[in-house]
Amino acid sequence: MCDSERANSKQDETCQGERTFSLSLLDLPIEVFLHICTFLDASSLVHGLSLVCKQFHQILNDDSIWKVRIHQICRPNANYPALPPDENDELFWKLSCVALERQASLWKNQVSLERLSLANVHYSTIDGVLLMHNGELCISGARDRTLVLWRLPNDESKCPKSVSVDLAHEGWIWDLTAIKDTIYSCSWDRTIKSWALTEAGLAHLTTYEMCVKFRRTVSGALLCVTSCPDLARFATGSFCKSVLVFDARSGDHPILRYQPHQRAVIRLAMSSNFILSASEDKTVSIWDQRAGRTMKNITLSKNSFPMSLCLKKDIVYVGDTTAKIHILDPKKDFEPVKCYKTEHLKGITGVHCSAGCLITSSLDKTVRISSPTDPPQPLTTLTCGYGEIASIDYLNEVLAVSGTDAIEIWRPKRKTECTL
């Protein structure tokens, strides 16, 4: 064999040896693989690495991995979730970890947030605020009787564009809700009006006056409105203690009226099965839509009344006038199971809960972002520059906070492409 053949033969043996001893992630012990995973965020693991191959999927499909990560996020003295989860939800711990990590990262690092002001249109308190289209649009209704559509810019340096409907109602606009691209506003003038979202702005569709049949009972202002898109229904609560339910597909008259309270109904929350109403009579009432009756009335405190509601499938949060948060358990017929004293100094005007965060707003001019744990752990506090906070909404990581005459928007900073 010539020298060149011997050299090639040795080179081939060397290459074969290198290939024999090469390692990949698949060859690593599970402990080493999991240690590497600690340097990656939960979203990359769930939506990326676990989809690479069956082996990665099997390793990362272990709930104990996600429970450990959640425990590290939520601190040793807090339990997640606040109430036991649905045992049949196979994705619960994975997706919860993704949501918790994202929200903790978002709110603890306010440098990554931008703050927009929607001002110089309303001149009185904005009680109704509603985010739509993944947080790209904001609808506001105020005591100046004006309804405004805001188009939020992609660039913080640009000004928001707004289209106003002056004198949208004959009285103060108290609350807003939506079913798809139709907005519903309720007012002190005892009417609900529907508005179509168009390219030009908001176009009036229907005025829902209280039916003559109920005129004597529903003679006061309408103070709140909520909706259930799954049923195409919306409901309104009145100063005269009643709740009226409408079907968006069947005319301008209510399909149901009931009176669960002894004083004004100030807040509503609605699902396909239940309607929850909060009243100045210090109770929360649960209406069973399937049975067509009041399921129960709950007195949370003798010293305060509920001001805000957040209804989820497996948990209900109620904020009251003494800055406390109450939790009701739907699995136990909405029994009050927990109560927390928040760091707010005045009544809680808004509450929003998701898998990743608990957001509360207050008349003390602050918004507090906490973890949805037992007990809640503070992430950050935002101070509103426009007086007492009347309302909040949160959608797609966009937070809208309404004050006396303007709205503040908090959202992640938009990434802009560099031009050469």
Protein backbone atom coordinates (compact mmCIF):
# COMPACT_ATOMS: atom_id res chain seq x y z
CA MET A 1 0.00 0.00 0.00
CA CYS A 2 1.40 3.36 -0.97
CA ASP A 3 1.89 6.19 1.48
CA SER A 4 -1.09 8.16 0.16
CA GLU A 5 -3.40 5.17 0.59
CA ARG A 6 -2.15 4.65 4.15
CA ALA A 7 -2.78 8.33 4.93
CA ASN A 8 -6.31 8.19 3.54
CA SER A 9 -6.99 5.01 5.46
CA LYS A 10 -5.85 6.59 8.74
CA GLN A 11 -7.94 9.69 8.00
CA ASP A 12 -11.03 7.54 7.42
CA GLU A 13 -10.43 5.72 10.70
CA THR A 14 -10.08 9.04 12.49
CA CYS A 15 -13.35 10.35 10.99
CA GLN A 16 -15.14 7.14 11.93
CA GLY A 17 -13.84 7.49 15.46
CA GLU A 18 -15.01 11.06 15.66
CA ARG A 19 -18.45 10.06 14.44
CA THR A 20 -18.53 7.24 16.95
CA PHE A 21 -17.83 9.50 19.91
CA SER A 22 -19.93 12.53 18.86
CA LEU A 23 -22.71 13.46 21.30
CA SER A 24 -26.09 15.14 20.91
CA LEU A 25 -28.82 16.26 23.31
CA LEU A 26 -30.45 12.89 22.79
CA ASP A 27 -27.41 11.17 24.36
CA LEU A 28 -27.35 13.31 27.52
CA PRO A 29 -28.59 11.99 30.87
CA ILE A 30 -32.04 13.36 31.69
CA GLU A 31 -30.62 15.30 34.66
CA VAL A 32 -28.18 17.14 32.40
CA PHE A 33 -30.87 17.79 29.79
CA LEU A 34 -33.19 19.25 32.45
CA HIS A 35 -30.38 21.43 33.79
CA ILE A 36 -29.89 22.86 30.30
CA CYS A 37 -33.66 23.51 30.17
CA THR A 38 -33.40 25.78 33.24
CA PHE A 39 -31.57 28.31 31.07
CA LEU A 40 -34.49 28.50 28.61
CA ASP A 41 -37.83 30.20 29.17
CA ALA A 42 -40.97 28.09 29.51
CA SER A 43 -42.42 29.28 26.21
CA SER A 44 -39.35 28.05 24.28
CA LEU A 45 -39.59 24.68 26.01
CA VAL A 46 -43.34 24.20 25.47
CA HIS A 47 -43.68 25.63 21.98
CA GLY A 48 -40.22 24.73 20.69
CA LEU A 49 -38.01 22.10 22.29
CA SER A 50 -40.81 19.71 23.30
CA LEU A 51 -41.88 19.53 19.63
CA VAL A 52 -38.44 18.55 18.30
CA CYS A 53 -38.80 14.82 18.89
CA LYS A 54 -40.70 12.20 20.85
CA GLN A 55 -37.96 11.87 23.47
CA PHE A 56 -37.99 15.60 24.32
CA HIS A 57 -41.77 15.56 24.39
CA GLN A 58 -41.88 12.64 26.83
CA ILE A 59 -39.36 14.27 29.17
CA LEU A 60 -41.08 17.69 29.16
CA ASN A 61 -44.53 16.14 29.50
CA ASP A 62 -43.88 15.48 33.19
CA ASP A 63 -46.03 17.87 35.28
CA SER A 64 -43.49 17.82 38.13
CA ILE A 65 -41.05 19.79 35.96
CA TRP A 66 -43.54 22.63 35.55
CA LYS A 67 -44.68 22.55 39.16
CA VAL A 68 -41.07 23.06 40.28
CA ARG A 69 -40.63 26.02 37.92
CA ILE A 70 -43.91 27.55 39.09
CA HIS A 71 -42.88 27.10 42.72
CA GLN A 72 -39.65 29.01 42.00
CA ILE A 73 -41.62 31.87 40.41
CA CYS A 74 -44.31 32.15 43.07
CA ARG A 75 -42.07 32.05 46.16
CA PRO A 76 -42.17 29.38 48.89
CA ASN A 77 -45.12 30.86 50.83
CA ALA A 78 -47.56 31.09 47.91
CA ASN A 79 -49.62 28.28 46.39
CA TYR A 80 -50.52 28.09 42.71
CA PRO A 81 -53.24 28.12 41.63
CA ALA A 82 -55.37 29.81 44.27
CA LEU A 83 -57.95 27.00 43.92
CA PRO A 84 -57.34 23.37 42.86
CA PRO A 85 -57.11 23.01 39.06
CA ASP A 86 -59.14 20.76 36.81
CA GLU A 87 -57.46 17.34 36.98
CA ASN A 88 -58.51 16.53 33.40
CA ASP A 89 -56.62 19.49 31.93
CA GLU A 90 -53.39 17.87 30.68
CA LEU A 91 -51.89 21.19 29.55
CA PHE A 92 -52.67 23.15 32.72
CA TRP A 93 -49.23 23.13 34.35
CA LYS A 94 -47.33 23.73 31.11
CA LEU A 95 -49.42 26.66 29.93
CA SER A 96 -49.68 28.11 33.44
CA CYS A 97 -45.88 28.14 33.72
CA VAL A 98 -45.60 29.90 30.36
CA ALA A 99 -48.16 32.53 31.42
CA LEU A 100 -46.62 33.09 34.86
CA GLU A 101 -43.08 33.49 33.52
CA ARG A 102 -44.24 35.89 30.82
CA GLN A 103 -46.29 38.10 33.14
CA ALA A 104 -43.62 38.16 35.83
CA SER A 105 -40.99 39.15 33.26
CA LEU A 106 -43.28 41.77 31.72
CA TRP A 107 -44.30 43.61 34.87
CA LYS A 108 -41.13 43.31 36.94
CA ASN A 109 -39.13 44.87 34.12
CA GLN A 110 -41.03 48.09 33.39
CA VAL A 111 -38.23 49.22 31.07
CA SER A 112 -39.77 46.87 28.52
CA LEU A 113 -43.13 48.65 28.80
CA GLU A 114 -44.36 51.77 27.05
CA ARG A 115 -46.97 54.16 28.38
CA LEU A 116 -49.45 55.98 26.14
CA SER A 117 -51.90 58.72 27.11
CA LEU A 118 -55.31 58.99 25.46
CA ALA A 119 -56.25 62.54 26.40
CA ASN A 120 -57.78 65.84 25.28
CA VAL A 121 -61.07 64.33 24.09
CA HIS A 122 -63.15 63.55 27.18
CA TYR A 123 -63.61 66.25 29.81
CA SER A 124 -65.13 64.18 32.64
CA THR A 125 -64.73 60.81 34.36
CA ILE A 126 -64.41 57.85 31.99
CA ASP A 127 -66.40 55.02 33.58
CA GLY A 128 -66.38 52.70 30.56
CA VAL A 129 -63.24 51.41 28.86
CA LEU A 130 -63.01 48.45 26.49
CA LEU A 131 -60.10 46.96 24.54
CA MET A 132 -60.76 45.18 21.23
CA HIS A 133 -58.90 43.60 18.30
CA ASN A 134 -56.03 42.24 20.41
CA GLY A 135 -55.50 45.58 22.11
CA GLU A 136 -55.18 47.61 18.92
CA LEU A 137 -58.47 49.46 19.56
CA CYS A 138 -59.82 51.11 22.71
CA ILE A 139 -63.42 52.24 23.21
CA SER A 140 -64.25 54.73 25.97
CA GLY A 141 -67.50 56.15 27.31
CA ALA A 142 -67.65 59.00 29.81
CA ARG A 143 -69.91 61.18 31.90
CA ASP A 144 -69.64 63.86 29.22
CA ARG A 145 -71.93 61.51 27.19
CA THR A 146 -69.25 61.03 24.54
CA LEU A 147 -68.27 57.67 23.05
CA VAL A 148 -64.77 57.51 21.56
CA LEU A 149 -62.96 55.00 19.36
CA TRP A 150 -59.17 55.13 19.78
CA ARG A 151 -56.80 53.47 17.30
CA LEU A 152 -53.56 52.78 19.11
CA PRO A 153 -50.38 53.43 17.10
CA ASN A 154 -47.72 50.79 16.51
CA ASP A 155 -45.05 53.37 17.30
CA GLU A 156 -45.01 55.08 20.71
CA SER A 157 -43.81 58.32 19.10
CA LYS A 158 -47.00 58.61 17.04
CA CYS A 159 -50.23 60.04 18.40
CA PRO A 160 -53.31 57.83 18.85
CA LYS A 161 -56.11 58.55 16.39
CA SER A 162 -59.61 59.02 17.75
CA VAL A 163 -63.15 59.28 16.40
CA SER A 164 -65.84 60.69 18.70
CA VAL A 165 -69.60 60.28 18.87
CA ASP A 166 -70.79 63.38 20.71
CA LEU A 167 -73.96 63.02 22.78
CA ALA A 168 -74.02 59.28 22.19
CA HIS A 169 -76.47 59.13 25.12
CA GLU A 170 -78.66 61.66 26.88
CA GLY A 171 -77.06 60.76 30.20
CA TRP A 172 -73.74 59.63 31.64
CA ILE A 173 -72.26 56.55 29.96
CA TRP A 174 -71.55 54.05 32.71
CA ASP A 175 -70.25 50.87 31.12
CA LEU A 176 -69.33 49.09 27.86
CA THR A 177 -69.24 45.53 26.53
CA ALA A 178 -68.96 43.88 23.11
CA ILE A 179 -70.08 40.87 21.10
CA LYS A 180 -67.74 40.45 18.15
CA ASP A 181 -67.60 43.88 16.43
CA THR A 182 -70.74 45.26 18.07
CA ILE A 183 -70.30 47.49 21.11
CA TYR A 184 -73.02 47.98 23.73
CA SER A 185 -73.12 51.07 25.96
CA CYS A 186 -75.41 51.63 28.95
CA SER A 187 -76.34 54.99 30.37
CA TRP A 188 -78.03 57.01 33.06
CA ASP A 189 -80.70 57.77 30.42
CA ARG A 190 -82.09 54.21 30.96
CA THR A 191 -81.08 52.93 27.53
CA ILE A 192 -78.57 50.56 26.01
CA LYS A 193 -77.28 51.40 22.56
CA SER A 194 -75.47 49.15 20.13
CA TRP A 195 -72.74 50.42 17.83
CA ALA A 196 -71.11 48.81 14.81
CA LEU A 197 -67.35 49.03 14.56
CA THR A 198 -66.52 50.34 11.08
CA GLU A 199 -63.49 51.73 9.27
CA ALA A 200 -64.91 55.23 9.73
CA GLY A 201 -65.66 54.83 13.43
CA LEU A 202 -68.76 53.83 15.39
CA ALA A 203 -72.16 53.62 13.67
CA HIS A 204 -75.33 53.52 15.78
CA LEU A 205 -77.42 50.38 15.26
CA THR A 206 -80.14 49.95 17.88
CA THR A 207 -81.48 51.64 20.99
CA TYR A 208 -82.65 49.17 23.61
CA GLU A 209 -85.17 50.99 25.78
CA MET A 210 -86.64 49.23 28.76
CA CYS A 211 -89.83 47.50 27.63
CA VAL A 212 -93.13 49.19 28.56
CA LYS A 213 -94.05 46.02 30.41
CA PHE A 214 -91.13 46.62 32.80
CA ARG A 215 -91.22 50.42 32.79
CA ARG A 216 -92.47 50.78 36.38
CA THR A 217 -89.80 48.45 37.70
CA VAL A 218 -86.85 49.52 35.56
CA SER A 219 -87.17 53.25 35.94
CA GLY A 220 -83.65 54.08 37.12
CA ALA A 221 -80.27 54.49 35.51
CA LEU A 222 -78.47 51.54 33.94
CA LEU A 223 -75.17 51.22 35.80
CA CYS A 224 -73.42 48.24 34.25
CA VAL A 225 -73.49 45.95 31.23
CA THR A 226 -71.82 42.65 30.39
CA SER A 227 -72.06 40.03 27.66
CA CYS A 228 -71.60 36.38 26.76
CA PRO A 229 -70.48 36.09 23.11
CA ASP A 230 -71.04 32.31 23.15
CA LEU A 231 -74.77 32.90 23.64
CA ALA A 232 -74.97 36.25 21.81
CA ARG A 233 -76.56 37.66 24.96
CA PHE A 234 -75.89 40.71 27.09
CA ALA A 235 -77.24 41.86 30.44
CA THR A 236 -77.58 45.17 32.24
CA GLY A 237 -77.94 46.09 35.91
CA SER A 238 -80.02 49.03 37.07
CA PHE A 239 -80.25 51.52 39.88
CA CYS A 240 -83.68 50.09 40.69
CA LYS A 241 -82.30 46.68 41.75
CA SER A 242 -83.09 44.71 38.57
CA VAL A 243 -81.09 42.77 35.99
CA LEU A 244 -82.33 42.55 32.40
CA VAL A 245 -81.06 40.08 29.80
CA PHE A 246 -81.19 40.66 26.03
CA ASP A 247 -80.63 38.40 23.05
CA ALA A 248 -78.60 40.33 20.46
CA ARG A 249 -80.36 38.38 17.70
CA SER A 250 -83.99 38.90 18.73
CA GLY A 251 -85.00 42.54 18.79
CA ASP A 252 -84.71 45.44 21.21
CA HIS A 253 -86.75 44.03 24.14
CA PRO A 254 -85.39 42.07 27.10
CA ILE A 255 -85.97 38.32 27.14
CA LEU A 256 -85.64 38.16 30.91
CA ARG A 257 -85.90 40.39 33.97
CA TYR A 258 -85.24 39.45 37.55
CA GLN A 259 -84.68 41.38 40.80
CA PRO A 260 -82.04 39.74 42.98
CA HIS A 261 -81.11 42.73 45.16
CA GLN A 262 -82.47 45.30 47.58
CA ARG A 263 -80.33 48.16 46.27
CA ALA A 264 -78.62 49.24 43.05
CA VAL A 265 -76.85 46.68 40.85
CA ILE A 266 -73.40 48.15 40.19
CA ARG A 267 -71.44 45.34 38.51
CA LEU A 268 -72.17 42.25 36.40
CA ALA A 269 -70.25 39.25 35.08
CA MET A 270 -71.68 36.65 32.71
CA SER A 271 -70.88 33.19 31.35
CA SER A 272 -72.89 30.70 29.34
CA ASN A 273 -74.19 29.18 32.60
CA PHE A 274 -74.33 31.98 35.16
CA ILE A 275 -74.86 35.70 35.68
CA LEU A 276 -73.20 37.24 38.74
CA SER A 277 -74.39 40.61 40.02
CA ALA A 278 -72.85 42.83 42.72
CA SER A 279 -74.98 45.31 44.61
CA GLU A 280 -74.83 48.12 47.14
CA ASP A 281 -76.92 45.87 49.39
CA LYS A 282 -73.59 44.13 50.18
CA THR A 283 -74.43 40.92 48.33
CA VAL A 284 -73.34 39.03 45.24
CA SER A 285 -76.17 37.17 43.52
CA ILE A 286 -75.73 34.12 41.28
CA TRP A 287 -78.36 33.53 38.59
CA ASP A 288 -78.44 30.05 37.03
CA GLN A 289 -79.23 30.56 33.34
CA ARG A 290 -79.99 26.89 32.74
CA ALA A 291 -82.46 26.61 35.63
CA GLY A 292 -83.82 30.13 35.15
CA ARG A 293 -83.63 31.05 38.84
CA THR A 294 -81.50 32.73 41.47
CA MET A 295 -79.11 30.12 42.79
CA LYS A 296 -78.07 32.08 45.90
CA ASN A 297 -77.24 35.48 47.35
CA ILE A 298 -73.94 35.81 49.19
CA THR A 299 -73.03 38.43 51.79
CA LEU A 300 -69.25 38.78 51.73
CA SER A 301 -68.96 41.40 54.46
CA LYS A 302 -71.24 43.40 56.74
CA ASN A 303 -68.88 46.39 56.55
CA SER A 304 -68.48 46.78 52.78
CA PHE A 305 -70.12 46.12 49.44
CA PRO A 306 -68.68 44.55 46.29
CA MET A 307 -67.47 46.94 43.58
CA SER A 308 -65.88 44.71 40.92
CA LEU A 309 -66.14 41.17 39.57
CA CYS A 310 -64.05 38.79 37.50
CA LEU A 311 -65.74 35.53 36.51
CA LYS A 312 -63.67 32.63 35.19
CA LYS A 313 -64.62 29.01 34.63
CA ASP A 314 -62.98 27.77 37.82
CA ILE A 315 -62.70 30.89 40.01
CA VAL A 316 -64.41 34.21 40.81
CA TYR A 317 -62.68 37.30 42.19
CA VAL A 318 -64.66 40.06 43.93
CA GLY A 319 -63.17 43.41 44.93
CA ASP A 320 -64.91 45.47 47.65
CA THR A 321 -65.02 48.97 49.10
CA THR A 322 -62.52 48.13 51.88
CA ALA A 323 -59.80 47.10 49.41
CA LYS A 324 -60.26 43.38 50.02
CA ILE A 325 -60.32 40.59 47.44
CA HIS A 326 -62.75 37.72 47.94
CA ILE A 327 -62.60 34.39 46.08
CA LEU A 328 -65.69 32.32 45.28
CA ASP A 329 -65.39 28.68 44.21
CA PRO A 330 -67.75 27.69 41.35
CA LYS A 331 -67.06 24.01 42.11
CA LYS A 332 -68.57 24.52 45.58
CA ASP A 333 -71.70 26.40 44.47
CA PHE A 334 -69.81 29.72 44.56
CA GLU A 335 -69.05 29.51 48.27
CA PRO A 336 -66.62 32.22 49.54
CA VAL A 337 -63.42 30.32 50.26
CA LYS A 338 -60.69 32.95 50.61
CA CYS A 339 -60.30 36.64 51.42
CA TYR A 340 -57.19 38.83 51.10
CA LYS A 341 -56.40 42.31 52.31
CA THR A 342 -54.66 44.13 49.48
CA GLU A 343 -52.25 47.04 49.73
CA HIS A 344 -54.80 49.36 48.15
CA LEU A 345 -55.95 52.20 50.38
CA LYS A 346 -59.45 52.59 48.91
CA GLY A 347 -62.13 50.55 47.16
CA ILE A 348 -61.23 48.21 44.29
CA THR A 349 -62.89 49.48 41.10
CA GLY A 350 -61.60 46.80 38.74
CA VAL A 351 -60.27 43.26 38.90
CA HIS A 352 -58.89 41.04 36.15
CA CYS A 353 -57.48 37.55 36.56
CA SER A 354 -55.70 35.25 34.11
CA ALA A 355 -53.38 32.26 34.38
CA GLY A 356 -50.40 34.61 34.68
CA CYS A 357 -51.50 37.60 36.74
CA LEU A 358 -54.06 39.28 38.97
CA ILE A 359 -54.70 42.96 38.23
CA THR A 360 -56.60 45.26 40.58
CA SER A 361 -57.36 48.99 40.29
CA SER A 362 -58.48 51.31 43.03
CA LEU A 363 -59.84 54.72 43.92
CA ASP A 364 -56.42 55.31 45.52
CA LYS A 365 -55.13 56.00 41.96
CA THR A 366 -53.04 52.83 41.71
CA VAL A 367 -53.08 49.59 39.75
CA ARG A 368 -51.44 46.61 41.41
CA ILE A 369 -50.18 43.62 39.43
CA SER A 370 -49.89 40.42 41.46
CA SER A 371 -49.47 36.71 40.92
CA PRO A 372 -52.76 34.70 40.90
CA THR A 373 -51.62 32.69 43.91
CA ASP A 374 -52.75 31.99 47.47
CA PRO A 375 -51.97 34.56 48.73
CA PRO A 376 -51.29 36.96 45.83
CA GLN A 377 -47.66 38.06 45.56
CA PRO A 378 -46.99 41.65 44.34
CA LEU A 379 -45.19 42.12 41.02
CA THR A 380 -45.45 45.88 40.56
CA THR A 381 -47.56 48.96 41.25
CA LEU A 382 -48.59 51.51 38.63
CA THR A 383 -49.73 55.01 39.55
CA CYS A 384 -52.39 56.66 37.41
CA GLY A 385 -51.72 60.27 36.45
CA TYR A 386 -55.39 61.09 35.90
CA GLY A 387 -56.94 60.86 39.34
CA GLU A 388 -59.15 58.13 40.78
CA ILE A 389 -59.34 55.05 38.58
CA ALA A 390 -62.86 54.33 37.35
CA SER A 391 -62.26 51.27 35.19
CA ILE A 392 -59.65 48.94 33.65
CA ASP A 393 -59.44 46.41 30.85
CA TYR A 394 -56.67 43.97 29.91
CA LEU A 395 -56.26 42.20 26.58
CA ASN A 396 -53.26 40.66 24.82
CA GLU A 397 -50.80 42.21 27.32
CA VAL A 398 -52.33 45.66 26.81
CA LEU A 399 -53.66 47.38 29.95
CA ALA A 400 -56.11 50.30 29.72
CA VAL A 401 -56.68 52.43 32.82
CA SER A 402 -59.35 55.16 32.80
CA GLY A 403 -59.32 58.17 35.09
CA THR A 404 -61.10 61.50 35.46
CA ASP A 405 -60.61 62.72 31.87
CA ALA A 406 -58.05 60.48 30.13
CA ILE A 407 -56.88 56.89 29.65
CA GLU A 408 -53.43 55.43 30.22
CA ILE A 409 -52.26 52.50 28.10
CA TRP A 410 -49.50 50.18 29.33
CA ARG A 411 -48.13 47.64 26.86
CA PRO A 412 -44.87 45.94 25.79
CA LYS A 413 -42.66 48.12 23.65
CA ARG A 414 -43.04 47.46 19.94
CA LYS A 415 -39.93 46.11 18.20
CA THR A 416 -38.87 48.27 15.29
CA GLU A 417 -36.71 47.08 12.44
CA CYS A 418 -33.38 48.86 11.97
CA THR A 419 -32.86 50.45 8.56
CA LEU A 420 -29.42 50.62 7.04
